[in-house]
Amino acid sequence: MRKSKSRNKRYLYLDCDEARLVLQSLIRFKNKLQQQDRFTDCVDELILKVSEVL
């Protein structure tokens, strides 16, 4: 019997300054991943979500 994987959603409430800081950090992290030839799909999704609130 399989256990279903349920994902718990997490919500993060940020003001504009905090969102900008998170966005800058995600972009730096994405650049590091690209330098290592690693996938950036998840980081790309987060960048889009954070940039929507700015």
C-alpha atoms as a PDB file:
ATOM      1  CA  MET A   1       0.000   0.000   0.000  1.00  0.00           C
ATOM      2  CA  ARG A   2       1.349   3.415  -0.948  1.00  0.00           C
ATOM      3  CA  LYS A   3       1.292   6.428   1.242  1.00  0.00           C
ATOM      4  CA  SER A   4       0.192   9.503  -0.577  1.00  0.00           C
ATOM      5  CA  LYS A   5       2.583  12.391  -0.403  1.00  0.00           C
ATOM      6  CA  SER A   6       0.784  15.463   0.711  1.00  0.00           C
ATOM      7  CA  ARG A   7       2.596  18.730   0.375  1.00  0.00           C
ATOM      8  CA  ASN A   8       2.064  21.280   3.050  1.00  0.00           C
ATOM      9  CA  LYS A   9       1.905  24.774   1.661  1.00  0.00           C
ATOM     10  CA  ARG A  10       3.916  27.437   3.378  1.00  0.00           C
ATOM     11  CA  TYR A  11       3.104  31.112   3.117  1.00  0.00           C
ATOM     12  CA  LEU A  12       5.646  33.830   3.622  1.00  0.00           C
ATOM     13  CA  TYR A  13       4.549  37.402   4.167  1.00  0.00           C
ATOM     14  CA  LEU A  14       7.178  39.921   3.120  1.00  0.00           C
ATOM     15  CA  ASP A  15       7.257  43.679   2.766  1.00  0.00           C
ATOM     16  CA  CYS A  16       8.823  45.168  -0.384  1.00  0.00           C
ATOM     17  CA  ASP A  17      12.320  45.458   1.092  1.00  0.00           C
ATOM     18  CA  GLU A  18      12.294  41.866   2.302  1.00  0.00           C
ATOM     19  CA  ALA A  19      10.955  40.635  -1.038  1.00  0.00           C
ATOM     20  CA  ARG A  20      13.746  42.460  -2.887  1.00  0.00           C
ATOM     21  CA  LEU A  21      16.344  40.913  -0.591  1.00  0.00           C
ATOM     22  CA  VAL A  22      14.907  37.424  -1.140  1.00  0.00           C
ATOM     23  CA  LEU A  23      14.799  38.019  -4.895  1.00  0.00           C
ATOM     24  CA  GLN A  24      18.447  39.146  -4.987  1.00  0.00           C
ATOM     25  CA  SER A  25      19.475  36.099  -2.967  1.00  0.00           C
ATOM     26  CA  LEU A  26      17.561  33.744  -5.248  1.00  0.00           C
ATOM     27  CA  ILE A  27      19.200  35.273  -8.316  1.00  0.00           C
ATOM     28  CA  ARG A  28      22.659  34.841  -6.752  1.00  0.00           C
ATOM     29  CA  PHE A  29      21.803  31.241  -5.886  1.00  0.00           C
ATOM     30  CA  LYS A  30      20.582  30.593  -9.433  1.00  0.00           C
ATOM     31  CA  ASN A  31      23.829  31.975 -10.843  1.00  0.00           C
ATOM     32  CA  LYS A  32      25.847  29.652  -8.608  1.00  0.00           C
ATOM     33  CA  LEU A  33      23.786  26.673  -9.735  1.00  0.00           C
ATOM     34  CA  GLN A  34      24.295  27.615 -13.383  1.00  0.00           C
ATOM     35  CA  GLN A  35      28.056  27.840 -12.854  1.00  0.00           C
ATOM     36  CA  GLN A  36      27.932  24.291 -11.510  1.00  0.00           C
ATOM     37  CA  ASP A  37      25.820  23.115 -14.490  1.00  0.00           C
ATOM     38  CA  ARG A  38      22.932  22.210 -12.200  1.00  0.00           C
ATOM     39  CA  PHE A  39      19.208  22.568 -12.776  1.00  0.00           C
ATOM     40  CA  THR A  40      17.590  25.850 -11.782  1.00  0.00           C
ATOM     41  CA  ASP A  41      13.920  25.028 -12.387  1.00  0.00           C
ATOM     42  CA  CYS A  42      12.811  25.239  -8.760  1.00  0.00           C
ATOM     43  CA  VAL A  43      14.712  28.456  -8.183  1.00  0.00           C
ATOM     44  CA  ASP A  44      13.188  29.913 -11.357  1.00  0.00           C
ATOM     45  CA  GLU A  45       9.708  29.183 -10.022  1.00  0.00           C
ATOM     46  CA  LEU A  46      10.497  30.906  -6.740  1.00  0.00           C
ATOM     47  CA  ILE A  47      11.952  33.911  -8.533  1.00  0.00           C
ATOM     48  CA  LEU A  48       8.722  34.279 -10.499  1.00  0.00           C
ATOM     49  CA  LYS A  49       6.569  33.994  -7.389  1.00  0.00           C
ATOM     50  CA  VAL A  50       8.587  36.541  -5.447  1.00  0.00           C
ATOM     51  CA  SER A  51       8.785  38.965  -8.381  1.00  0.00           C
ATOM     52  CA  GLU A  52       4.986  38.919  -8.712  1.00  0.00           C
ATOM     53  CA  VAL A  53       4.625  40.750  -5.402  1.00  0.00           C
ATOM     54  CA  LEU A  54       7.012  43.557  -6.367  1.00  0.00           C
END
